[in-house]
Amino acid sequence: MVSGVVVVALLWWCWTGFVALGNVVRVALAVLAAVCGALAVFQRMTGDRRRIRAELRREERAAEEAVSAWRKQYL
């Protein structure tokens, strides 16, 4: 009798753990989908990635030129 109760309790514990894990994964996937959707909308709102990358490259070049000019002047 006791061993039967232990087996049922063990099965119940395993099942509830499995269900809880499934709920966590489902919520995590929903959160991930929402974040990805928000990022896609934000990307569309901010414009083309190529334009942003080109601007970053121009800024990097300008910073490098400023550092180079400073080095020539002071070093």
C-alpha atoms as a PDB file:
ATOM      1  CA  MET A   1       0.000   0.000   0.000  1.00  0.00           C
ATOM      2  CA  VAL A   2       2.751   2.445   0.971  1.00  0.00           C
ATOM      3  CA  SER A   3       4.785   1.649  -2.137  1.00  0.00           C
ATOM      4  CA  GLY A   4       1.721   2.323  -4.308  1.00  0.00           C
ATOM      5  CA  VAL A   5       1.249   5.724  -2.690  1.00  0.00           C
ATOM      6  CA  VAL A   6       4.943   6.471  -3.208  1.00  0.00           C
ATOM      7  CA  VAL A   7       4.720   5.528  -6.898  1.00  0.00           C
ATOM      8  CA  VAL A   8       1.603   7.679  -7.405  1.00  0.00           C
ATOM      9  CA  ALA A   9       3.242  10.583  -5.546  1.00  0.00           C
ATOM     10  CA  LEU A  10       6.380  10.238  -7.676  1.00  0.00           C
ATOM     11  CA  LEU A  11       4.324  10.179 -10.892  1.00  0.00           C
ATOM     12  CA  TRP A  12       2.336  13.196  -9.699  1.00  0.00           C
ATOM     13  CA  TRP A  13       5.533  15.104  -8.859  1.00  0.00           C
ATOM     14  CA  CYS A  14       7.038  14.285 -12.275  1.00  0.00           C
ATOM     15  CA  TRP A  15       3.860  15.290 -14.090  1.00  0.00           C
ATOM     16  CA  THR A  16       3.501  18.621 -12.276  1.00  0.00           C
ATOM     17  CA  GLY A  17       7.184  19.393 -12.910  1.00  0.00           C
ATOM     18  CA  PHE A  18       6.742  18.615 -16.593  1.00  0.00           C
ATOM     19  CA  VAL A  19       3.650  20.832 -16.833  1.00  0.00           C
ATOM     20  CA  ALA A  20       5.373  23.683 -14.988  1.00  0.00           C
ATOM     21  CA  LEU A  21       8.360  23.441 -17.327  1.00  0.00           C
ATOM     22  CA  GLY A  22       6.044  23.465 -20.336  1.00  0.00           C
ATOM     23  CA  ASN A  23       4.332  26.609 -19.065  1.00  0.00           C
ATOM     24  CA  VAL A  24       7.670  28.352 -18.515  1.00  0.00           C
ATOM     25  CA  VAL A  25       8.893  27.447 -22.001  1.00  0.00           C
ATOM     26  CA  ARG A  26       5.611  28.601 -23.549  1.00  0.00           C
ATOM     27  CA  VAL A  27       5.849  31.939 -21.737  1.00  0.00           C
ATOM     28  CA  ALA A  28       9.524  32.306 -22.668  1.00  0.00           C
ATOM     29  CA  LEU A  29       8.713  31.694 -26.330  1.00  0.00           C
ATOM     30  CA  ALA A  30       5.886  34.218 -26.199  1.00  0.00           C
ATOM     31  CA  VAL A  31       8.183  36.804 -24.632  1.00  0.00           C
ATOM     32  CA  LEU A  32      10.853  36.068 -27.229  1.00  0.00           C
ATOM     33  CA  ALA A  33       8.336  36.457 -30.049  1.00  0.00           C
ATOM     34  CA  ALA A  34       7.120  39.763 -28.595  1.00  0.00           C
ATOM     35  CA  VAL A  35      10.669  41.089 -28.257  1.00  0.00           C
ATOM     36  CA  CYS A  36      11.555  40.048 -31.806  1.00  0.00           C
ATOM     37  CA  GLY A  37       8.390  41.685 -33.105  1.00  0.00           C
ATOM     38  CA  ALA A  38       9.156  44.898 -31.241  1.00  0.00           C
ATOM     39  CA  LEU A  39      12.696  44.913 -32.612  1.00  0.00           C
ATOM     40  CA  ALA A  40      11.414  44.401 -36.147  1.00  0.00           C
ATOM     41  CA  VAL A  41       8.999  47.304 -35.762  1.00  0.00           C
ATOM     42  CA  PHE A  42      11.764  49.472 -34.282  1.00  0.00           C
ATOM     43  CA  GLN A  43      14.069  48.586 -37.176  1.00  0.00           C
ATOM     44  CA  ARG A  44      11.386  49.553 -39.682  1.00  0.00           C
ATOM     45  CA  MET A  45      10.817  52.821 -37.849  1.00  0.00           C
ATOM     46  CA  THR A  46      14.493  53.730 -37.725  1.00  0.00           C
ATOM     47  CA  GLY A  47      15.186  53.034 -41.377  1.00  0.00           C
ATOM     48  CA  ASP A  48      17.547  50.991 -43.424  1.00  0.00           C
ATOM     49  CA  ARG A  49      20.378  49.113 -41.753  1.00  0.00           C
ATOM     50  CA  ARG A  50      22.763  49.970 -44.560  1.00  0.00           C
ATOM     51  CA  ARG A  51      22.198  53.673 -44.024  1.00  0.00           C
ATOM     52  CA  ILE A  52      22.861  53.300 -40.309  1.00  0.00           C
ATOM     53  CA  ARG A  53      26.025  51.281 -40.938  1.00  0.00           C
ATOM     54  CA  ALA A  54      27.266  53.866 -43.438  1.00  0.00           C
ATOM     55  CA  GLU A  55      26.704  56.628 -40.889  1.00  0.00           C
ATOM     56  CA  LEU A  56      28.603  54.652 -38.260  1.00  0.00           C
ATOM     57  CA  ARG A  57      31.503  54.116 -40.665  1.00  0.00           C
ATOM     58  CA  ARG A  58      31.628  57.850 -41.439  1.00  0.00           C
ATOM     59  CA  GLU A  59      31.653  58.665 -37.739  1.00  0.00           C
ATOM     60  CA  GLU A  60      34.429  56.130 -37.108  1.00  0.00           C
ATOM     61  CA  ARG A  61      36.508  57.593 -39.924  1.00  0.00           C
ATOM     62  CA  ALA A  62      35.978  61.112 -38.608  1.00  0.00           C
ATOM     63  CA  ALA A  63      37.029  60.010 -35.118  1.00  0.00           C
ATOM     64  CA  GLU A  64      40.137  58.273 -36.504  1.00  0.00           C
ATOM     65  CA  GLU A  65      41.048  61.396 -38.486  1.00  0.00           C
ATOM     66  CA  ALA A  66      40.612  63.559 -35.387  1.00  0.00           C
ATOM     67  CA  VAL A  67      42.858  61.268 -33.360  1.00  0.00           C
ATOM     68  CA  SER A  68      45.438  61.222 -36.161  1.00  0.00           C
ATOM     69  CA  ALA A  69      45.424  65.031 -36.379  1.00  0.00           C
ATOM     70  CA  TRP A  70      45.807  65.297 -32.611  1.00  0.00           C
ATOM     71  CA  ARG A  71      48.728  62.866 -32.658  1.00  0.00           C
ATOM     72  CA  LYS A  72      50.458  64.835 -35.432  1.00  0.00           C
ATOM     73  CA  GLN A  73      50.008  68.060 -33.536  1.00  0.00           C
ATOM     74  CA  TYR A  74      50.957  66.970 -30.031  1.00  0.00           C
ATOM     75  CA  LEU A  75      53.218  63.944 -30.437  1.00  0.00           C
END
